[in-house]
PDB file of N, CA and C in Angstrom:
ATOM      1  N   MET A   1      -7.566  -3.523 -12.737  1.00  0.00           N
ATOM      2  CA  MET A   1      -7.584  -4.900 -12.203  1.00  0.00           C
ATOM      3  C   MET A   1      -8.550  -4.971 -11.021  1.00  0.00           C
ATOM      4  N   ASN A   2      -9.479  -5.910 -11.075  1.00  0.00           N
ATOM      5  CA  ASN A   2     -10.460  -6.047  -9.999  1.00  0.00           C
ATOM      6  C   ASN A   2      -9.855  -6.784  -8.808  1.00  0.00           C
ATOM      7  N   PRO A   3     -10.226  -6.391  -7.589  1.00  0.00           N
ATOM      8  CA  PRO A   3      -9.709  -7.037  -6.372  1.00  0.00           C
ATOM      9  C   PRO A   3     -10.070  -8.515  -6.341  1.00  0.00           C
ATOM     10  N   LEU A   4     -11.203  -8.861  -6.939  1.00  0.00           N
ATOM     11  CA  LEU A   4     -11.630 -10.266  -6.944  1.00  0.00           C
ATOM     12  C   LEU A   4     -10.688 -11.110  -7.789  1.00  0.00           C
ATOM     13  N   ASP A   5     -10.101 -10.506  -8.828  1.00  0.00           N
ATOM     14  CA  ASP A   5      -9.180 -11.253  -9.690  1.00  0.00           C
ATOM     15  C   ASP A   5      -8.036 -11.826  -8.861  1.00  0.00           C
ATOM     16  N   GLY A   6      -7.485 -11.018  -7.958  1.00  0.00           N
ATOM     17  CA  GLY A   6      -6.378 -11.473  -7.123  1.00  0.00           C
ATOM     18  C   GLY A   6      -6.834 -12.581  -6.182  1.00  0.00           C
ATOM     19  N   VAL A   7      -8.037 -12.430  -5.639  1.00  0.00           N
ATOM     20  CA  VAL A   7      -8.566 -13.432  -4.701  1.00  0.00           C
ATOM     21  C   VAL A   7      -8.801 -14.744  -5.422  1.00  0.00           C
ATOM     22  N   VAL A   8      -9.424 -14.666  -6.589  1.00  0.00           N
ATOM     23  CA  VAL A   8      -9.704 -15.886  -7.362  1.00  0.00           C
ATOM     24  C   VAL A   8      -8.399 -16.578  -7.733  1.00  0.00           C
ATOM     25  N   GLU A   9      -7.398 -15.771  -8.093  1.00  0.00           N
ATOM     26  CA  GLU A   9      -6.109 -16.360  -8.472  1.00  0.00           C
ATOM     27  C   GLU A   9      -5.525 -17.139  -7.304  1.00  0.00           C
ATOM     28  N   ILE A  10      -5.563 -16.534  -6.117  1.00  0.00           N
ATOM     29  CA  ILE A  10      -5.013 -17.192  -4.925  1.00  0.00           C
ATOM     30  C   ILE A  10      -5.814 -18.448  -4.611  1.00  0.00           C
ATOM     31  N   ARG A  11      -7.144 -18.339  -4.699  1.00  0.00           N
ATOM     32  CA  ARG A  11      -8.001 -19.496  -4.395  1.00  0.00           C
ATOM     33  C   ARG A  11      -7.731 -20.633  -5.369  1.00  0.00           C
ATOM     34  N   ARG A  12      -7.557 -20.277  -6.651  1.00  0.00           N
ATOM     35  CA  ARG A  12      -7.315 -21.309  -7.660  1.00  0.00           C
ATOM     36  C   ARG A  12      -5.978 -21.993  -7.397  1.00  0.00           C
ATOM     37  N   ARG A  13      -5.005 -21.207  -6.934  1.00  0.00           N
ATOM     38  CA  ARG A  13      -3.697 -21.783  -6.632  1.00  0.00           C
ATOM     39  C   ARG A  13      -3.797 -22.732  -5.442  1.00  0.00           C
ATOM     40  N   GLN A  14      -4.739 -22.429  -4.537  1.00  0.00           N
ATOM     41  CA  GLN A  14      -4.925 -23.278  -3.356  1.00  0.00           C
ATOM     42  C   GLN A  14      -5.812 -24.470  -3.698  1.00  0.00           C
ATOM     43  N   HIS A  15      -6.369 -24.473  -4.928  1.00  0.00           N
ATOM     44  CA  HIS A  15      -7.224 -25.565  -5.387  1.00  0.00           C
ATOM     45  C   HIS A  15      -8.470 -25.697  -4.515  1.00  0.00           C
ATOM     46  N   VAL A  16      -9.236 -24.606  -4.439  1.00  0.00           N
ATOM     47  CA  VAL A  16     -10.479 -24.636  -3.648  1.00  0.00           C
ATOM     48  C   VAL A  16     -11.647 -24.920  -4.586  1.00  0.00           C
ATOM     49  N   PRO A  17     -12.295 -26.087  -4.464  1.00  0.00           N
ATOM     50  CA  PRO A  17     -13.400 -26.484  -5.342  1.00  0.00           C
ATOM     51  C   PRO A  17     -14.556 -25.487  -5.296  1.00  0.00           C
ATOM     52  N   ASP A  18     -14.842 -24.932  -4.120  1.00  0.00           N
ATOM     53  CA  ASP A  18     -15.960 -24.001  -3.983  1.00  0.00           C
ATOM     54  C   ASP A  18     -15.751 -22.786  -4.874  1.00  0.00           C
ATOM     55  N   LEU A  19     -14.538 -22.240  -4.864  1.00  0.00           N
ATOM     56  CA  LEU A  19     -14.262 -21.048  -5.656  1.00  0.00           C
ATOM     57  C   LEU A  19     -14.199 -21.406  -7.141  1.00  0.00           C
ATOM     58  N   ASP A  20     -13.639 -22.582  -7.443  1.00  0.00           N
ATOM     59  CA  ASP A  20     -13.533 -23.002  -8.850  1.00  0.00           C
ATOM     60  C   ASP A  20     -14.923 -23.144  -9.463  1.00  0.00           C
ATOM     61  N   ASN A  21     -15.834 -23.732  -8.699  1.00  0.00           N
ATOM     62  CA  ASN A  21     -17.185 -23.957  -9.222  1.00  0.00           C
ATOM     63  C   ASN A  21     -18.000 -22.673  -9.231  1.00  0.00           C
ATOM     64  N   GLY A  22     -17.715 -21.788  -8.293  1.00  0.00           N
ATOM     65  CA  GLY A  22     -18.515 -20.568  -8.169  1.00  0.00           C
ATOM     66  C   GLY A  22     -18.031 -19.453  -9.083  1.00  0.00           C
ATOM     67  N   TYR A  23     -16.730 -19.307  -9.227  1.00  0.00           N
ATOM     68  CA  TYR A  23     -16.196 -18.175  -9.999  1.00  0.00           C
ATOM     69  C   TYR A  23     -15.803 -18.589 -11.414  1.00  0.00           C
ATOM     70  N   VAL A  24     -15.423 -19.867 -11.576  1.00  0.00           N
ATOM     71  CA  VAL A  24     -14.987 -20.331 -12.899  1.00  0.00           C
ATOM     72  C   VAL A  24     -16.059 -21.181 -13.523  1.00  0.00           C
TER      73      VAL A  24
END
């Protein structure tokens, strides 16, 4: 499991547009 996976999951739960557009 990549460390970024956990970060992205948390960011997505917080509904951060920057992360959604950049990582997803």
